[in-house]
Amino acid sequence: QVQLVESGGGLVQTGGSLRLSCVASGPTFNTYNMGWFRQAPGKEREFVAAITWSGRSTYYTNSVKGRFTISRENAKNTVFLQMNSLQPEDTAVYYCAAERTKWTTRQDEFDYWGQGTQVTVSS
């Protein structure tokens, strides 16, 4: 069982930056691929970024490429999402998730989820 707790959300102006953190419980964090997802008001939850257990590979949805960076520190059981050049359309609840079965962006293949952190970008 893995428990995930996100933090770092908040209110920021267009063009600003935020750094989200997700801390995982348990000694096996370094065996999990990690992902960030988001859900905007009235929309379905969508994939944002993912990173392999080793941190060697990352993947991003097109709308955040060049603006967001996913990283991890296995020694601290933490995955990060650095978000730069934020736009109003980035407003959403952001969730981190963990899986170790396969390298995937599909939500239904992630086993554990955090409670989410709100990111609001004002125009």
N, C-alpha and C. Protein backbone atom coordinates (compact mmCIF):
# COMPACT_ATOMS: atom_id res chain seq x y z
N GLN A 1 0.84 -1.19 0.00
CA GLN A 1 0.00 0.00 0.00
C GLN A 1 0.88 1.24 0.00
N VAL A 2 0.55 2.18 -0.88
CA VAL A 2 1.29 3.43 -0.99
C VAL A 2 0.32 4.57 -0.75
N GLN A 3 0.68 5.47 0.12
CA GLN A 3 -0.12 6.68 0.32
C GLN A 3 0.62 7.87 -0.25
N LEU A 4 -0.11 8.72 -0.96
CA LEU A 4 0.48 9.86 -1.65
C LEU A 4 -0.16 11.14 -1.14
N VAL A 5 0.67 12.13 -0.86
CA VAL A 5 0.17 13.41 -0.37
C VAL A 5 0.79 14.52 -1.20
N GLU A 6 -0.07 15.27 -1.91
CA GLU A 6 0.40 16.38 -2.73
C GLU A 6 0.39 17.67 -1.93
N SER A 7 1.23 18.59 -2.35
CA SER A 7 1.26 19.93 -1.78
C SER A 7 1.84 20.88 -2.80
N GLY A 8 1.74 22.18 -2.51
CA GLY A 8 2.37 23.18 -3.37
C GLY A 8 1.41 23.93 -4.28
N GLY A 9 0.15 23.55 -4.28
CA GLY A 9 -0.80 24.28 -5.11
C GLY A 9 -1.08 25.65 -4.54
N GLY A 10 -1.81 26.46 -5.31
CA GLY A 10 -2.16 27.79 -4.85
C GLY A 10 -2.66 28.65 -5.99
N LEU A 11 -2.73 29.95 -5.71
CA LEU A 11 -3.19 30.94 -6.69
C LEU A 11 -1.99 31.67 -7.25
N VAL A 12 -1.91 31.76 -8.55
CA VAL A 12 -0.79 32.42 -9.21
C VAL A 12 -1.31 33.18 -10.42
N GLN A 13 -0.62 34.25 -10.78
CA GLN A 13 -1.01 35.01 -11.96
C GLN A 13 -0.50 34.35 -13.23
N THR A 14 -1.12 34.69 -14.34
CA THR A 14 -0.67 34.19 -15.65
C THR A 14 0.81 34.51 -15.83
N GLY A 15 1.54 33.48 -16.28
CA GLY A 15 2.98 33.62 -16.48
C GLY A 15 3.80 33.23 -15.27
N GLY A 16 3.15 32.99 -14.16
CA GLY A 16 3.85 32.64 -12.94
C GLY A 16 4.24 31.17 -12.88
N SER A 17 4.82 30.79 -11.75
CA SER A 17 5.32 29.42 -11.56
C SER A 17 4.85 28.85 -10.23
N LEU A 18 4.74 27.55 -10.20
CA LEU A 18 4.48 26.81 -8.98
C LEU A 18 5.25 25.50 -9.06
N ARG A 19 5.60 24.98 -7.89
CA ARG A 19 6.24 23.67 -7.81
C ARG A 19 5.40 22.77 -6.92
N LEU A 20 4.84 21.73 -7.52
CA LEU A 20 4.06 20.76 -6.77
C LEU A 20 4.97 19.65 -6.27
N SER A 21 4.65 19.15 -5.09
CA SER A 21 5.37 18.02 -4.51
C SER A 21 4.38 16.92 -4.17
N CYS A 22 4.85 15.70 -4.24
CA CYS A 22 4.04 14.55 -3.86
C CYS A 22 4.94 13.62 -3.06
N VAL A 23 4.61 13.43 -1.80
CA VAL A 23 5.40 12.57 -0.93
C VAL A 23 4.68 11.24 -0.76
N ALA A 24 5.44 10.17 -0.92
CA ALA A 24 4.88 8.83 -0.82
C ALA A 24 5.32 8.14 0.46
N SER A 25 4.42 7.36 1.01
CA SER A 25 4.78 6.56 2.18
C SER A 25 5.36 5.23 1.73
N GLY A 26 6.07 4.59 2.61
CA GLY A 26 6.54 3.24 2.32
C GLY A 26 7.92 3.20 1.72
N PRO A 27 8.58 2.02 1.83
CA PRO A 27 9.97 1.88 1.41
C PRO A 27 10.16 1.52 -0.05
N THR A 28 9.06 1.39 -0.80
CA THR A 28 9.18 0.90 -2.17
C THR A 28 8.94 1.97 -3.22
N PHE A 29 9.03 3.23 -2.83
CA PHE A 29 8.76 4.32 -3.77
C PHE A 29 9.61 4.20 -5.01
N ASN A 30 10.85 3.77 -4.85
CA ASN A 30 11.76 3.74 -6.00
C ASN A 30 11.47 2.59 -6.95
N THR A 31 10.41 1.85 -6.73
CA THR A 31 9.99 0.82 -7.68
C THR A 31 8.79 1.25 -8.49
N TYR A 32 8.25 2.44 -8.22
CA TYR A 32 7.04 2.92 -8.87
C TYR A 32 7.33 3.98 -9.92
N ASN A 33 6.71 3.83 -11.08
CA ASN A 33 6.61 4.94 -12.02
C ASN A 33 5.57 5.91 -11.45
N MET A 34 5.81 7.19 -11.65
CA MET A 34 4.91 8.18 -11.08
C MET A 34 4.33 9.08 -12.17
N GLY A 35 3.11 9.53 -11.93
CA GLY A 35 2.46 10.41 -12.89
C GLY A 35 1.77 11.56 -12.21
N TRP A 36 1.60 12.63 -12.97
CA TRP A 36 0.76 13.75 -12.55
C TRP A 36 -0.42 13.84 -13.51
N PHE A 37 -1.59 14.04 -12.95
CA PHE A 37 -2.82 14.23 -13.71
C PHE A 37 -3.50 15.49 -13.21
N ARG A 38 -4.47 15.98 -13.96
CA ARG A 38 -5.21 17.15 -13.50
C ARG A 38 -6.66 17.06 -13.96
N GLN A 39 -7.52 17.72 -13.19
CA GLN A 39 -8.93 17.78 -13.53
C GLN A 39 -9.42 19.21 -13.37
N ALA A 40 -9.78 19.80 -14.50
CA ALA A 40 -10.33 21.15 -14.50
C ALA A 40 -11.84 21.08 -14.23
N PRO A 41 -12.41 22.19 -13.77
CA PRO A 41 -13.86 22.21 -13.49
C PRO A 41 -14.67 21.82 -14.72
N GLY A 42 -15.56 20.87 -14.54
CA GLY A 42 -16.44 20.44 -15.63
C GLY A 42 -15.78 19.56 -16.67
N LYS A 43 -14.54 19.16 -16.43
CA LYS A 43 -13.82 18.34 -17.41
C LYS A 43 -13.37 17.03 -16.78
N GLU A 44 -13.02 16.08 -17.64
CA GLU A 44 -12.50 14.82 -17.15
C GLU A 44 -11.04 14.98 -16.74
N ARG A 45 -10.63 14.11 -15.85
CA ARG A 45 -9.24 14.13 -15.44
C ARG A 45 -8.35 13.72 -16.61
N GLU A 46 -7.21 14.39 -16.76
CA GLU A 46 -6.32 14.13 -17.89
C GLU A 46 -4.89 13.95 -17.43
N PHE A 47 -4.14 13.22 -18.25
CA PHE A 47 -2.71 13.01 -18.00
C PHE A 47 -1.93 14.30 -18.22
N VAL A 48 -0.93 14.53 -17.38
CA VAL A 48 -0.05 15.69 -17.53
C VAL A 48 1.40 15.26 -17.80
N ALA A 49 1.96 14.43 -16.92
CA ALA A 49 3.37 14.06 -17.04
C ALA A 49 3.61 12.76 -16.29
N ALA A 50 4.66 12.05 -16.68
CA ALA A 50 5.03 10.82 -16.01
C ALA A 50 6.54 10.68 -15.99
N ILE A 51 7.02 9.90 -15.01
CA ILE A 51 8.46 9.66 -14.87
C ILE A 51 8.65 8.22 -14.43
N THR A 52 9.67 7.58 -14.99
CA THR A 52 9.94 6.19 -14.62
C THR A 52 10.51 6.10 -13.22
N TRP A 53 10.54 4.87 -12.70
CA TRP A 53 11.00 4.66 -11.33
C TRP A 53 12.43 5.18 -11.14
N SER A 54 13.24 5.09 -12.20
CA SER A 54 14.64 5.51 -12.09
C SER A 54 14.81 7.00 -12.31
N GLY A 55 13.81 7.62 -12.91
CA GLY A 55 13.93 9.02 -13.26
C GLY A 55 14.57 9.26 -14.62
N ARG A 56 14.96 8.18 -15.30
CA ARG A 56 15.69 8.35 -16.57
C ARG A 56 14.79 8.78 -17.71
N SER A 57 13.52 8.41 -17.64
CA SER A 57 12.60 8.76 -18.74
C SER A 57 11.42 9.55 -18.22
N THR A 58 11.01 10.51 -19.03
CA THR A 58 9.83 11.31 -18.71
C THR A 58 8.95 11.43 -19.95
N TYR A 59 7.72 11.81 -19.71
CA TYR A 59 6.77 11.98 -20.83
C TYR A 59 5.76 13.04 -20.43
N TYR A 60 5.38 13.88 -21.41
CA TYR A 60 4.48 14.99 -21.14
C TYR A 60 3.35 15.04 -22.16
N THR A 61 2.21 15.52 -21.72
CA THR A 61 1.19 15.83 -22.68
C THR A 61 1.61 17.08 -23.45
N ASN A 62 1.16 17.21 -24.69
CA ASN A 62 1.67 18.27 -25.56
C ASN A 62 1.46 19.67 -25.00
N SER A 63 0.36 19.88 -24.31
CA SER A 63 0.03 21.23 -23.87
C SER A 63 0.97 21.78 -22.79
N VAL A 64 1.76 20.90 -22.16
CA VAL A 64 2.66 21.38 -21.10
C VAL A 64 4.12 21.23 -21.46
N LYS A 65 4.41 20.65 -22.61
CA LYS A 65 5.81 20.48 -23.01
C LYS A 65 6.53 21.82 -23.09
N GLY A 66 7.71 21.87 -22.52
CA GLY A 66 8.48 23.10 -22.52
C GLY A 66 8.14 24.04 -21.38
N ARG A 67 7.05 23.75 -20.66
CA ARG A 67 6.66 24.59 -19.52
C ARG A 67 6.72 23.84 -18.20
N PHE A 68 6.38 22.58 -18.21
CA PHE A 68 6.36 21.77 -16.99
C PHE A 68 7.53 20.78 -17.01
N THR A 69 8.05 20.49 -15.81
CA THR A 69 9.11 19.50 -15.67
C THR A 69 8.78 18.58 -14.50
N ILE A 70 8.77 17.29 -14.77
CA ILE A 70 8.58 16.30 -13.72
C ILE A 70 9.94 15.77 -13.31
N SER A 71 10.12 15.57 -12.01
CA SER A 71 11.38 15.03 -11.49
C SER A 71 11.08 14.26 -10.21
N ARG A 72 12.08 13.56 -9.70
CA ARG A 72 11.87 12.81 -8.46
C ARG A 72 13.16 12.71 -7.67
N GLU A 73 13.01 12.56 -6.38
CA GLU A 73 14.12 12.29 -5.46
C GLU A 73 13.74 11.04 -4.68
N ASN A 74 14.26 9.92 -5.12
CA ASN A 74 13.88 8.65 -4.49
C ASN A 74 14.31 8.58 -3.03
N ALA A 75 15.40 9.23 -2.70
CA ALA A 75 15.87 9.22 -1.31
C ALA A 75 14.89 9.92 -0.38
N LYS A 76 14.06 10.80 -0.96
CA LYS A 76 13.07 11.54 -0.16
C LYS A 76 11.65 11.09 -0.45
N ASN A 77 11.49 10.02 -1.23
CA ASN A 77 10.16 9.52 -1.57
C ASN A 77 9.27 10.60 -2.16
N THR A 78 9.84 11.43 -3.00
CA THR A 78 9.11 12.60 -3.49
C THR A 78 9.22 12.73 -5.00
N VAL A 79 8.10 13.10 -5.61
CA VAL A 79 8.07 13.47 -7.02
C VAL A 79 7.59 14.91 -7.11
N PHE A 80 8.14 15.64 -8.08
CA PHE A 80 7.86 17.06 -8.22
C PHE A 80 7.25 17.34 -9.59
N LEU A 81 6.54 18.45 -9.66
CA LEU A 81 6.10 18.98 -10.94
C LEU A 81 6.36 20.49 -10.91
N GLN A 82 7.41 20.89 -11.61
CA GLN A 82 7.71 22.31 -11.74
C GLN A 82 6.90 22.86 -12.89
N MET A 83 6.10 23.88 -12.61
CA MET A 83 5.20 24.44 -13.61
C MET A 83 5.56 25.90 -13.83
N ASN A 84 5.99 26.21 -15.03
CA ASN A 84 6.36 27.57 -15.41
C ASN A 84 5.42 28.09 -16.49
N SER A 85 5.42 29.41 -16.68
CA SER A 85 4.59 30.04 -17.70
C SER A 85 3.15 29.57 -17.60
N LEU A 86 2.63 29.59 -16.41
CA LEU A 86 1.28 29.08 -16.18
C LEU A 86 0.24 29.94 -16.87
N GLN A 87 -0.77 29.27 -17.38
CA GLN A 87 -1.86 29.90 -18.10
C GLN A 87 -3.19 29.59 -17.41
N PRO A 88 -4.20 30.40 -17.64
CA PRO A 88 -5.51 30.12 -17.00
C PRO A 88 -6.03 28.71 -17.29
N GLU A 89 -5.71 28.19 -18.46
CA GLU A 89 -6.18 26.84 -18.80
C GLU A 89 -5.48 25.74 -18.02
N ASP A 90 -4.44 26.10 -17.26
CA ASP A 90 -3.78 25.14 -16.38
C ASP A 90 -4.52 25.01 -15.04
N THR A 91 -5.52 25.84 -14.82
CA THR A 91 -6.29 25.78 -13.58
C THR A 91 -6.97 24.42 -13.45
N ALA A 92 -6.71 23.75 -12.34
CA ALA A 92 -7.24 22.39 -12.14
C ALA A 92 -6.81 21.90 -10.76
N VAL A 93 -7.40 20.78 -10.38
CA VAL A 93 -6.88 20.03 -9.25
C VAL A 93 -5.84 19.06 -9.81
N TYR A 94 -4.66 19.07 -9.23
CA TYR A 94 -3.57 18.23 -9.70
C TYR A 94 -3.38 17.05 -8.76
N TYR A 95 -3.29 15.86 -9.36
CA TYR A 95 -3.14 14.63 -8.61
C TYR A 95 -1.84 13.93 -9.00
N CYS A 96 -1.17 13.34 -8.01
CA CYS A 96 -0.09 12.43 -8.36
C CYS A 96 -0.58 11.00 -8.19
N ALA A 97 0.05 10.10 -8.92
CA ALA A 97 -0.36 8.71 -8.93
C ALA A 97 0.85 7.81 -9.13
N ALA A 98 0.71 6.56 -8.70
CA ALA A 98 1.82 5.62 -8.76
C ALA A 98 1.39 4.29 -9.39
N GLU A 99 2.27 3.72 -10.19
CA GLU A 99 2.06 2.38 -10.75
C GLU A 99 3.41 1.74 -11.01
N ARG A 100 3.44 0.40 -11.01
CA ARG A 100 4.71 -0.26 -11.32
C ARG A 100 4.55 -1.45 -12.24
N THR A 101 3.35 -1.55 -12.85
CA THR A 101 3.13 -2.66 -13.76
C THR A 101 3.72 -2.39 -15.13
N LYS A 102 3.52 -1.19 -15.63
CA LYS A 102 4.01 -0.86 -16.96
C LYS A 102 4.21 0.65 -17.06
N TRP A 103 4.94 1.07 -18.04
CA TRP A 103 5.16 2.48 -18.34
C TRP A 103 3.94 2.96 -19.12
N THR A 104 3.12 3.82 -18.51
CA THR A 104 1.83 4.12 -19.07
C THR A 104 1.39 5.54 -18.73
N THR A 105 0.45 6.05 -19.52
CA THR A 105 -0.20 7.32 -19.22
C THR A 105 -1.68 7.13 -18.93
N ARG A 106 -2.12 5.88 -18.94
CA ARG A 106 -3.55 5.59 -18.73
C ARG A 106 -3.90 5.65 -17.26
N GLN A 107 -4.92 6.39 -16.93
CA GLN A 107 -5.31 6.56 -15.54
C GLN A 107 -5.70 5.24 -14.90
N ASP A 108 -6.38 4.38 -15.67
CA ASP A 108 -6.88 3.15 -15.08
C ASP A 108 -5.76 2.15 -14.78
N GLU A 109 -4.54 2.47 -15.18
CA GLU A 109 -3.43 1.58 -14.90
C GLU A 109 -2.57 2.08 -13.74
N PHE A 110 -2.98 3.19 -13.14
CA PHE A 110 -2.30 3.66 -11.94
C PHE A 110 -3.02 3.11 -10.72
N ASP A 111 -2.22 2.65 -9.75
CA ASP A 111 -2.79 1.92 -8.63
C ASP A 111 -3.12 2.80 -7.44
N TYR A 112 -2.33 3.84 -7.23
CA TYR A 112 -2.48 4.68 -6.03
C TYR A 112 -2.57 6.13 -6.43
N TRP A 113 -3.41 6.87 -5.70
CA TRP A 113 -3.66 8.27 -6.01
C TRP A 113 -3.61 9.11 -4.73
N GLY A 114 -3.15 10.36 -4.91
CA GLY A 114 -3.23 11.31 -3.83
C GLY A 114 -4.58 12.01 -3.81
N GLN A 115 -4.76 12.92 -2.88
CA GLN A 115 -6.05 13.59 -2.71
C GLN A 115 -6.17 14.82 -3.60
N GLY A 116 -5.07 15.26 -4.17
CA GLY A 116 -5.10 16.40 -5.08
C GLY A 116 -4.74 17.71 -4.41
N THR A 117 -4.23 18.63 -5.21
CA THR A 117 -3.93 19.98 -4.76
C THR A 117 -4.42 20.96 -5.83
N GLN A 118 -5.06 22.03 -5.39
CA GLN A 118 -5.68 22.98 -6.31
C GLN A 118 -4.65 23.97 -6.84
N VAL A 119 -4.66 24.15 -8.15
CA VAL A 119 -3.86 25.17 -8.81
C VAL A 119 -4.82 26.09 -9.54
N THR A 120 -4.73 27.38 -9.23
CA THR A 120 -5.59 28.37 -9.88
C THR A 120 -4.72 29.45 -10.49
N VAL A 121 -4.90 29.68 -11.78
CA VAL A 121 -4.13 30.67 -12.50
C VAL A 121 -5.07 31.80 -12.91
N SER A 122 -4.81 32.98 -12.39
CA SER A 122 -5.68 34.12 -12.69
C SER A 122 -5.17 34.85 -13.92
N SER A 123 -6.10 35.38 -14.69
CA SER A 123 -5.74 36.11 -15.92
C SER A 123 -5.58 37.60 -15.66
